[in-house]
Amino acid sequence: MSGGVRNVTISNCVFQGTLRGLRLKTGRSRGGVVENIRASNIIMDNILEGISVDMYYESGSDKPLPVNEGTPFFRNIRFSSISGTNIKEAINISGLPESPVEELELSDIYFESEKGVICQFGHNITFRNVKVKIKGPGSVFNVRKSALVQFDNVIPYLSDEKYPAISLDSVSGAVLRNCSESENTDIYLKAVNSKDIILLNNVLGSARVIK
């Protein structure tokens, strides 16, 4: 896209055998603003990637570039009441270091997938009532270089207990509340190079928290 997309709703859809379910895509030099996007009541099956909010398309370096007329912006996006099975990768959120994805909320989400959730360069990201069950190796939630991330009533289902259920790397400000462990969980949360991580009212049993 180029030039901006605003005020879009998607609802009451079934996606079967498509390459991706919900995808917002842009990259450096495209410019414009994508905002006020709503998607709800979606069922997916046999999808390569369930939800993709990707500003990093062919964007190259992790180093921030100057903000100019070619800098895109994604903000105020809400996805809710979505379920998916036979998914290759559940969720990908990739902002730019100079222009993170802002004010993104995913609520009432259930995915069964090979890979879980990737979130990088996000600001004010909320996962609420989200359950993701992965079949492959790795963490269910991988969040890096982001700020103000909320996990509220989140249950990650691991396939291998040697990985942390939630992995935070270079995250500034995260709140985990009302979250629960599942089977195969030894380490629920591992936070590296991160600060201001708050845990409230979680039921983690014997699972560990490393930060």
Protein backbone atom coordinates (compact mmCIF):
# COMPACT_ATOMS: atom_id res chain seq x y z
CA MET A 1 0.00 0.00 0.00
CA SER A 2 1.02 3.59 -0.45
CA GLY A 3 -0.76 6.76 0.57
CA GLY A 4 -2.76 5.55 3.57
CA VAL A 5 -5.65 3.28 4.54
CA ARG A 6 -8.14 4.25 7.25
CA ASN A 7 -11.41 3.14 8.80
CA VAL A 8 -11.75 -0.45 7.56
CA THR A 9 -13.80 -3.27 9.12
CA ILE A 10 -13.63 -6.99 8.32
CA SER A 11 -16.12 -9.32 10.00
CA ASN A 12 -17.89 -12.69 9.84
CA CYS A 13 -15.49 -14.35 7.39
CA VAL A 14 -14.15 -17.87 6.88
CA PHE A 15 -10.68 -18.29 5.34
CA GLN A 16 -9.69 -21.76 4.12
CA GLY A 17 -6.44 -22.71 2.37
CA THR A 18 -5.30 -19.14 1.73
CA LEU A 19 -1.72 -17.96 1.89
CA ARG A 20 -2.50 -15.61 4.77
CA GLY A 21 -5.56 -14.77 6.81
CA LEU A 22 -5.34 -11.11 7.85
CA ARG A 23 -2.38 -9.21 6.44
CA LEU A 24 -1.38 -5.55 6.66
CA LYS A 25 1.86 -4.94 4.78
CA THR A 26 4.12 -2.00 4.00
CA GLY A 27 7.79 -1.08 3.99
CA ARG A 28 10.21 1.80 4.09
CA SER A 29 9.70 4.44 1.38
CA ARG A 30 5.98 3.67 1.05
CA GLY A 31 4.78 6.44 3.37
CA GLY A 32 1.20 6.93 4.49
CA VAL A 33 -0.77 5.95 7.59
CA VAL A 34 -2.76 2.76 8.21
CA GLU A 35 -5.13 3.29 11.14
CA ASN A 36 -8.53 2.45 12.60
CA ILE A 37 -8.63 -1.13 11.35
CA ARG A 38 -11.06 -3.64 12.89
CA ALA A 39 -11.36 -7.38 12.19
CA SER A 40 -13.70 -9.67 14.15
CA ASN A 41 -15.49 -13.02 14.04
CA ILE A 42 -13.02 -14.77 11.75
CA ILE A 43 -12.44 -18.52 11.33
CA MET A 44 -9.28 -19.81 9.61
CA ASP A 45 -8.09 -23.25 8.56
CA ASN A 46 -5.04 -24.44 6.61
CA ILE A 47 -3.35 -21.03 6.43
CA LEU A 48 0.36 -20.24 6.04
CA GLU A 49 0.21 -17.20 8.35
CA GLY A 50 -2.83 -16.35 10.44
CA ILE A 51 -2.30 -12.68 11.28
CA SER A 52 0.47 -10.53 9.79
CA VAL A 53 1.01 -6.86 10.60
CA ASP A 54 4.25 -6.30 8.73
CA MET A 55 5.94 -2.94 8.18
CA TYR A 56 9.26 -4.61 7.54
CA TYR A 57 8.58 -5.88 4.03
CA GLU A 58 11.94 -5.82 2.21
CA SER A 59 13.08 -3.18 4.71
CA GLY A 60 16.54 -4.56 5.54
CA SER A 61 18.40 -3.12 8.54
CA ASP A 62 17.31 -3.09 12.19
CA LYS A 63 18.95 0.33 12.52
CA PRO A 64 16.50 3.24 12.74
CA LEU A 65 16.42 5.56 9.74
CA PRO A 66 15.36 9.23 9.73
CA VAL A 67 11.60 9.76 9.70
CA ASN A 68 10.49 11.47 6.49
CA GLU A 69 7.66 11.46 3.94
CA GLY A 70 8.55 7.88 3.03
CA THR A 71 8.08 6.57 6.58
CA PRO A 72 4.90 4.48 7.00
CA PHE A 73 2.83 4.40 10.20
CA PHE A 74 0.53 1.67 11.57
CA ARG A 75 -1.70 2.49 14.55
CA ASN A 76 -5.02 1.81 16.27
CA ILE A 77 -5.63 -1.75 15.06
CA ARG A 78 -8.00 -4.21 16.77
CA PHE A 79 -8.37 -7.91 15.94
CA SER A 80 -10.88 -9.92 18.01
CA SER A 81 -12.81 -13.21 18.12
CA ILE A 82 -10.52 -15.11 15.75
CA SER A 83 -9.77 -18.83 15.73
CA GLY A 84 -7.49 -20.82 13.48
CA THR A 85 -6.37 -24.42 13.02
CA ASN A 86 -3.69 -25.98 10.81
CA ILE A 87 -1.76 -22.71 10.76
CA LYS A 88 1.95 -22.58 9.89
CA GLU A 89 2.72 -19.37 11.83
CA ALA A 90 0.11 -17.87 14.15
CA ILE A 91 0.93 -14.16 14.42
CA ASN A 92 3.65 -11.87 13.06
CA ILE A 93 3.89 -8.25 14.21
CA SER A 94 6.87 -6.40 12.74
CA GLY A 95 7.22 -2.65 12.99
CA LEU A 96 10.17 -0.48 12.09
CA PRO A 97 12.67 0.78 14.67
CA GLU A 98 11.88 4.38 13.64
CA SER A 99 8.13 3.70 13.35
CA PRO A 100 6.85 0.86 15.54
CA VAL A 101 3.40 -0.69 15.22
CA GLU A 102 1.34 1.32 17.73
CA GLU A 103 -1.85 0.60 19.67
CA LEU A 104 -2.45 -2.94 18.44
CA GLU A 105 -4.83 -5.14 20.43
CA LEU A 106 -5.52 -8.83 19.85
CA SER A 107 -8.34 -10.24 21.96
CA ASP A 108 -10.26 -13.52 22.15
CA ILE A 109 -7.83 -15.34 19.87
CA TYR A 110 -7.23 -19.08 19.59
CA PHE A 111 -4.67 -20.61 17.22
CA GLU A 112 -3.32 -24.10 16.72
CA SER A 113 -0.12 -23.67 14.72
CA GLU A 114 3.36 -24.92 13.96
CA LYS A 115 4.98 -21.64 15.08
CA GLY A 116 3.70 -19.11 17.56
CA VAL A 117 3.81 -15.33 17.87
CA ILE A 118 6.57 -12.95 16.81
CA CYS A 119 6.41 -9.30 17.84
CA GLN A 120 9.21 -6.85 17.14
CA PHE A 121 9.30 -3.06 17.17
CA GLY A 122 5.87 -2.67 18.72
CA HIS A 123 4.61 0.02 21.10
CA ASN A 124 1.50 -0.42 23.26
CA ILE A 125 0.70 -3.97 22.18
CA THR A 126 -2.02 -5.94 24.01
CA PHE A 127 -2.72 -9.68 23.99
CA ARG A 128 -6.01 -10.29 25.84
CA ASN A 129 -7.71 -13.69 26.19
CA VAL A 130 -5.23 -15.23 23.77
CA LYS A 131 -4.43 -18.95 23.57
CA VAL A 132 -1.85 -20.27 21.13
CA LYS A 133 -0.93 -23.95 20.91
CA ILE A 134 2.18 -24.74 18.89
CA LYS A 135 3.37 -28.08 17.54
CA GLY A 136 6.93 -27.09 16.65
CA PRO A 137 9.98 -26.11 18.74
CA GLY A 138 10.49 -22.68 20.25
CA SER A 139 8.68 -20.23 22.49
CA VAL A 140 5.01 -19.51 21.92
CA PHE A 141 5.45 -15.73 22.29
CA ASN A 142 8.67 -14.06 21.10
CA VAL A 143 8.74 -10.31 21.78
CA ARG A 144 11.80 -8.17 21.08
CA LYS A 145 12.70 -4.49 20.91
CA SER A 146 9.23 -3.39 21.96
CA ALA A 147 7.68 -1.25 24.71
CA LEU A 148 4.47 -1.33 26.76
CA VAL A 149 3.34 -4.87 26.08
CA GLN A 150 0.39 -6.37 27.98
CA PHE A 151 -0.47 -10.05 28.41
CA ASP A 152 -3.90 -10.45 30.01
CA ASN A 153 -5.37 -13.96 30.45
CA VAL A 154 -2.85 -15.49 28.07
CA ILE A 155 -2.21 -19.25 27.93
CA PRO A 156 0.72 -20.42 25.78
CA TYR A 157 0.83 -24.14 24.93
CA LEU A 158 4.37 -25.40 24.34
CA SER A 159 5.41 -28.56 22.53
CA ASP A 160 8.80 -28.75 24.30
CA GLU A 161 9.46 -27.71 27.89
CA LYS A 162 13.08 -26.71 27.19
CA TYR A 163 11.82 -23.41 25.74
CA PRO A 164 10.25 -20.57 27.75
CA ALA A 165 6.58 -20.10 26.99
CA ILE A 166 7.06 -16.32 26.70
CA SER A 167 10.41 -14.86 25.65
CA LEU A 168 11.11 -11.13 26.05
CA ASP A 169 14.27 -9.58 24.63
CA SER A 170 15.01 -5.85 24.95
CA VAL A 171 11.48 -5.04 26.09
CA SER A 172 10.76 -1.90 28.10
CA GLY A 173 7.61 -2.19 30.17
CA ALA A 174 5.52 -5.36 30.16
CA VAL A 175 2.62 -6.50 32.33
CA LEU A 176 1.50 -10.11 32.69
CA ARG A 177 -1.78 -10.50 34.56
CA ASN A 178 -4.28 -13.31 35.01
CA CYS A 179 -2.09 -15.62 32.92
CA SER A 180 -1.76 -19.39 33.30
CA GLU A 181 0.72 -22.09 32.43
CA SER A 182 -0.11 -25.18 30.41
CA GLU A 183 1.44 -28.64 30.24
CA ASN A 184 5.08 -28.90 29.11
CA THR A 185 5.95 -25.60 30.81
CA ASP A 186 9.12 -25.36 32.87
CA ILE A 187 9.92 -21.68 32.24
CA TYR A 188 6.85 -19.52 31.74
CA LEU A 189 8.69 -16.23 31.20
CA LYS A 190 12.29 -15.43 30.31
CA ALA A 191 13.22 -11.75 30.02
CA VAL A 192 16.63 -10.72 28.66
CA ASN A 193 17.91 -7.13 28.49
CA SER A 194 14.45 -6.01 29.59
CA LYS A 195 13.14 -3.71 32.31
CA ASP A 196 9.95 -2.83 34.17
CA ILE A 197 8.41 -6.30 33.90
CA ILE A 198 5.39 -6.66 36.22
CA LEU A 199 3.55 -9.89 37.09
CA LEU A 200 0.08 -9.70 38.67
CA ASN A 201 -2.37 -12.43 39.73
CA ASN A 202 -0.92 -15.20 37.56
CA VAL A 203 -1.36 -18.96 38.11
CA LEU A 204 1.97 -20.47 37.12
CA GLY A 205 2.20 -23.55 39.34
CA SER A 206 5.78 -24.81 39.30
CA ALA A 207 6.75 -22.88 36.15
CA ARG A 208 9.66 -20.51 36.59
CA VAL A 209 10.17 -16.84 35.78
CA ILE A 210 13.66 -15.69 34.78
CA LYS A 211 14.34 -11.99 34.51
